[in-house]
Structures are given as structure tokens and as C-alpha cells.
C-alpha atoms as a PDB file:
ATOM      1  CA  MET A   1       0.000   0.000   0.000  1.00  0.00           C
ATOM      2  CA  THR A   2       1.402   3.385  -1.008  1.00  0.00           C
ATOM      3  CA  LEU A   3       0.827   6.656   0.765  1.00  0.00           C
ATOM      4  CA  CYS A   4      -0.129   8.401  -2.435  1.00  0.00           C
ATOM      5  CA  PRO A   5      -1.717   6.417  -5.310  1.00  0.00           C
ATOM      6  CA  HIS A   6      -0.846   9.001  -7.996  1.00  0.00           C
ATOM      7  CA  PRO A   7       2.665   8.694  -9.537  1.00  0.00           C
ATOM      8  CA  ARG A   8       3.057  12.470 -10.066  1.00  0.00           C
ATOM      9  CA  ARG A   9       2.053  13.187  -6.505  1.00  0.00           C
ATOM     10  CA  GLN A  10       4.410  10.480  -5.250  1.00  0.00           C
ATOM     11  CA  ARG A  11       7.273  12.016  -7.208  1.00  0.00           C
ATOM     12  CA  ALA A  12       6.414  15.536  -5.998  1.00  0.00           C
ATOM     13  CA  LEU A  13       6.158  14.311  -2.411  1.00  0.00           C
ATOM     14  CA  GLY A  14       9.524  12.561  -2.749  1.00  0.00           C
ATOM     15  CA  LEU A  15      11.166  15.722  -4.111  1.00  0.00           C
ATOM     16  CA  LEU A  16       9.620  17.800  -1.353  1.00  0.00           C
ATOM     17  CA  LEU A  17      10.915  15.423   1.315  1.00  0.00           C
ATOM     18  CA  LEU A  18      14.374  15.400  -0.271  1.00  0.00           C
ATOM     19  CA  ALA A  19      14.494  19.200  -0.463  1.00  0.00           C
ATOM     20  CA  SER A  20      13.368  19.614   3.141  1.00  0.00           C
ATOM     21  CA  SER A  21      15.999  17.144   4.326  1.00  0.00           C
ATOM     22  CA  LEU A  22      18.742  19.070   2.506  1.00  0.00           C
ATOM     23  CA  ALA A  23      17.749  22.514   3.809  1.00  0.00           C
ATOM     24  CA  PRO A  24      19.360  22.151   7.280  1.00  0.00           C
ATOM     25  CA  ALA A  25      22.570  20.883   5.664  1.00  0.00           C
ATOM     26  CA  ALA A  26      22.631  23.884   3.346  1.00  0.00           C
ATOM     27  CA  LEU A  27      22.214  26.254   6.276  1.00  0.00           C
ATOM     28  CA  ALA A  28      24.968  24.516   8.215  1.00  0.00           C
ATOM     29  CA  ALA A  29      27.255  24.822   5.188  1.00  0.00           C
ATOM     30  CA  ASP A  30      26.779  28.606   5.277  1.00  0.00           C
ATOM     31  CA  ALA A  31      27.827  28.846   8.928  1.00  0.00           C
ATOM     32  CA  PRO A  32      31.331  30.119   9.647  1.00  0.00           C
ATOM     33  CA  SER A  33      33.959  27.585  10.704  1.00  0.00           C
ATOM     34  CA  PRO A  34      34.042  26.764  14.433  1.00  0.00           C
ATOM     35  CA  GLN A  35      37.220  28.878  14.806  1.00  0.00           C
ATOM     36  CA  ARG A  36      35.582  31.853  13.071  1.00  0.00           C
ATOM     37  CA  GLN A  37      32.429  31.415  15.175  1.00  0.00           C
ATOM     38  CA  HIS A  38      34.628  31.688  18.268  1.00  0.00           C
ATOM     39  CA  GLU A  39      36.219  34.871  16.880  1.00  0.00           C
ATOM     40  CA  LEU A  40      32.815  36.365  16.017  1.00  0.00           C
ATOM     41  CA  ARG A  41      31.443  35.584  19.490  1.00  0.00           C
ATOM     42  CA  HIS A  42      34.503  37.275  20.991  1.00  0.00           C
ATOM     43  CA  LEU A  43      33.947  40.319  18.754  1.00  0.00           C
ATOM     44  CA  LEU A  44      30.268  40.369  19.743  1.00  0.00           C
ATOM     45  CA  LEU A  45      31.075  40.216  23.431  1.00  0.00           C
ATOM     46  CA  GLN A  46      34.031  42.602  23.498  1.00  0.00           C
ATOM     47  CA  ASP A  47      33.412  45.079  20.685  1.00  0.00           C
ATOM     48  CA  CYS A  48      29.623  45.119  20.404  1.00  0.00           C
ATOM     49  CA  GLY A  49      29.299  44.672  24.167  1.00  0.00           C
ATOM     50  CA  SER A  50      31.278  47.849  24.795  1.00  0.00           C
ATOM     51  CA  CYS A  51      28.307  49.868  23.499  1.00  0.00           C
ATOM     52  CA  HIS A  52      25.386  47.444  23.683  1.00  0.00           C
ATOM     53  CA  GLY A  53      26.278  46.308  27.202  1.00  0.00           C
ATOM     54  CA  MET A  54      28.306  43.296  28.268  1.00  0.00           C
ATOM     55  CA  SER A  55      25.016  41.428  28.757  1.00  0.00           C
ATOM     56  CA  LEU A  56      23.764  42.848  25.413  1.00  0.00           C
ATOM     57  CA  LYS A  57      20.786  44.340  27.253  1.00  0.00           C
ATOM     58  CA  GLY A  58      21.608  47.853  26.096  1.00  0.00           C
ATOM     59  CA  GLY A  59      23.881  50.714  26.987  1.00  0.00           C
ATOM     60  CA  LEU A  60      24.978  53.455  24.635  1.00  0.00           C
ATOM     61  CA  GLY A  61      23.593  51.176  21.929  1.00  0.00           C
ATOM     62  CA  SER A  62      20.198  49.496  21.903  1.00  0.00           C
ATOM     63  CA  PRO A  63      19.664  45.989  23.345  1.00  0.00           C
ATOM     64  CA  LEU A  64      20.718  43.020  21.236  1.00  0.00           C
ATOM     65  CA  THR A  65      18.480  40.522  22.985  1.00  0.00           C
ATOM     66  CA  ALA A  66      16.245  38.112  21.084  1.00  0.00           C
ATOM     67  CA  SER A  67      13.114  39.931  22.242  1.00  0.00           C
ATOM     68  CA  ALA A  68      14.482  43.348  21.241  1.00  0.00           C
ATOM     69  CA  LEU A  69      15.415  42.094  17.759  1.00  0.00           C
ATOM     70  CA  ALA A  70      12.392  39.860  17.126  1.00  0.00           C
ATOM     71  CA  ASP A  71      10.477  42.366  14.986  1.00  0.00           C
ATOM     72  CA  LYS A  72      13.513  43.697  13.096  1.00  0.00           C
ATOM     73  CA  PRO A  73      14.068  42.423   9.537  1.00  0.00           C
ATOM     74  CA  ASP A  74      17.240  40.339   9.192  1.00  0.00           C
ATOM     75  CA  ASP A  75      18.387  42.283   6.116  1.00  0.00           C
ATOM     76  CA  SER A  76      18.118  45.565   8.018  1.00  0.00           C
ATOM     77  CA  LEU A  77      20.142  44.188  10.931  1.00  0.00           C
ATOM     78  CA  VAL A  78      22.808  42.820   8.584  1.00  0.00           C
ATOM     79  CA  ALA A  79      23.049  46.198   6.841  1.00  0.00           C
ATOM     80  CA  THR A  80      23.388  47.961  10.191  1.00  0.00           C
ATOM     81  CA  ILE A  81      26.217  45.636  11.215  1.00  0.00           C
ATOM     82  CA  LEU A  82      28.057  45.948   7.910  1.00  0.00           C
ATOM     83  CA  TYR A  83      27.552  49.646   7.166  1.00  0.00           C
ATOM     84  CA  GLY A  84      26.903  51.160  10.594  1.00  0.00           C
ATOM     85  CA  ARG A  85      24.470  53.970  11.270  1.00  0.00           C
ATOM     86  CA  PRO A  86      25.709  57.358  10.047  1.00  0.00           C
ATOM     87  CA  GLY A  87      25.268  60.085  12.624  1.00  0.00           C
ATOM     88  CA  THR A  88      25.382  57.594  15.501  1.00  0.00           C
ATOM     89  CA  ALA A  89      28.095  55.756  17.416  1.00  0.00           C
ATOM     90  CA  MET A  90      27.393  52.572  15.396  1.00  0.00           C
ATOM     91  CA  PRO A  91      30.453  51.970  13.182  1.00  0.00           C
ATOM     92  CA  PRO A  92      30.610  49.829  10.036  1.00  0.00           C
ATOM     93  CA  TRP A  93      31.965  46.315  10.632  1.00  0.00           C
ATOM     94  CA  LYS A  94      32.292  45.383   6.946  1.00  0.00           C
ATOM     95  CA  PRO A  95      36.109  45.588   7.083  1.00  0.00           C
ATOM     96  CA  PHE A  96      36.073  42.862   9.744  1.00  0.00           C
ATOM     97  CA  MET A  97      33.436  40.384   8.533  1.00  0.00           C
ATOM     98  CA  THR A  98      31.574  39.101   5.517  1.00  0.00           C
ATOM     99  CA  GLU A  99      27.860  39.471   4.896  1.00  0.00           C
ATOM    100  CA  GLN A 100      27.404  35.764   5.687  1.00  0.00           C
ATOM    101  CA  GLU A 101      29.167  36.232   9.037  1.00  0.00           C
ATOM    102  CA  ALA A 102      26.932  39.210   9.841  1.00  0.00           C
ATOM    103  CA  ARG A 103      23.890  37.051   8.996  1.00  0.00           C
ATOM    104  CA  TRP A 104      25.190  34.343  11.312  1.00  0.00           C
ATOM    105  CA  LEU A 105      25.503  36.910  14.123  1.00  0.00           C
ATOM    106  CA  VAL A 106      21.946  38.101  13.498  1.00  0.00           C
ATOM    107  CA  GLU A 107      20.756  34.486  13.582  1.00  0.00           C
ATOM    108  CA  ILE A 108      22.402  33.674  16.913  1.00  0.00           C
ATOM    109  CA  LEU A 109      21.196  36.935  18.456  1.00  0.00           C
ATOM    110  CA  LYS A 110      17.604  36.484  17.267  1.00  0.00           C
ATOM    111  CA  ASN A 111      17.618  32.859  18.443  1.00  0.00           C
ATOM    112  CA  GLY A 112      18.971  33.849  21.851  1.00  0.00           C
ATOM    113  CA  GLN A 113      22.097  31.719  21.414  1.00  0.00           C
ATOM    114  CA  THR A 114      24.139  34.004  23.624  1.00  0.00           C
ATOM    115  CA  ASP A 115      25.073  31.709  26.498  1.00  0.00           C
ATOM    116  CA  PHE A 116      28.659  33.028  26.225  1.00  0.00           C
ATOM    117  CA  VAL A 117      27.501  36.517  27.298  1.00  0.00           C
ATOM    118  CA  ALA A 118      27.645  37.790  30.872  1.00  0.00           C
ATOM    119  CA  ARG A 119      24.248  37.719  32.530  1.00  0.00           C
END
């Protein structure tokens, strides 16, 4: 007994299942190397933390907590990291990281994966 009696639907279902199983692997492939992740976490804690607070709950800069960033578009946050905010104390970090690394930082911040930060 098959789950789907129609060959086209079976094929489409198979392709959908294959694509969904590959998606997490593709995302993991985009993540920085473990060494670079360590460096980026250090930068986040030391450099970003100097303005956004060592607990990332705010200071001179706004909070970088998951709840504070939840409604902010990822692309906007990446642009802010890479290009800074003219007229504010937020500098551009593009000389120090790639767009993919900035996206990874946004992802860990929005997911609350900041267990390395002082509480």
C-alpha cells in the first residue's frame, strides 16, 4: 500500500521530502567555521558589548536581545552591522566580517544563542 496512489504526486512528495531534508545541511554549510564562530562571538562580546552592554541588554547602543530584535528584519540588521548607522556611534563592521558572518551573528542573536555573554 502506497501513501499516495498518484505517480506524479508520489514524485512531488519525494522531491519535497528530499528538499526539506537538505535545507538544514545547506544552512549549516553557510555557517562560519568553528574557529571563526569563536572569533565572532569574541567580537560580539568585546566590541559590540562595549556599546550594547556586556550582557547585550543595552547601553549606549540598543539591546541586542532576542526579544528586542524579534520584529527587526534580518536584512536591516545585517546592513546595520556591515555599514553602521551614520550620525550615531554605530560603526561599520564590513572591514572585519563578511555578509554571511553578519547574517550568522543576526541568527544567533535572534535565536537567543548568547550563552557566552555575561548575565
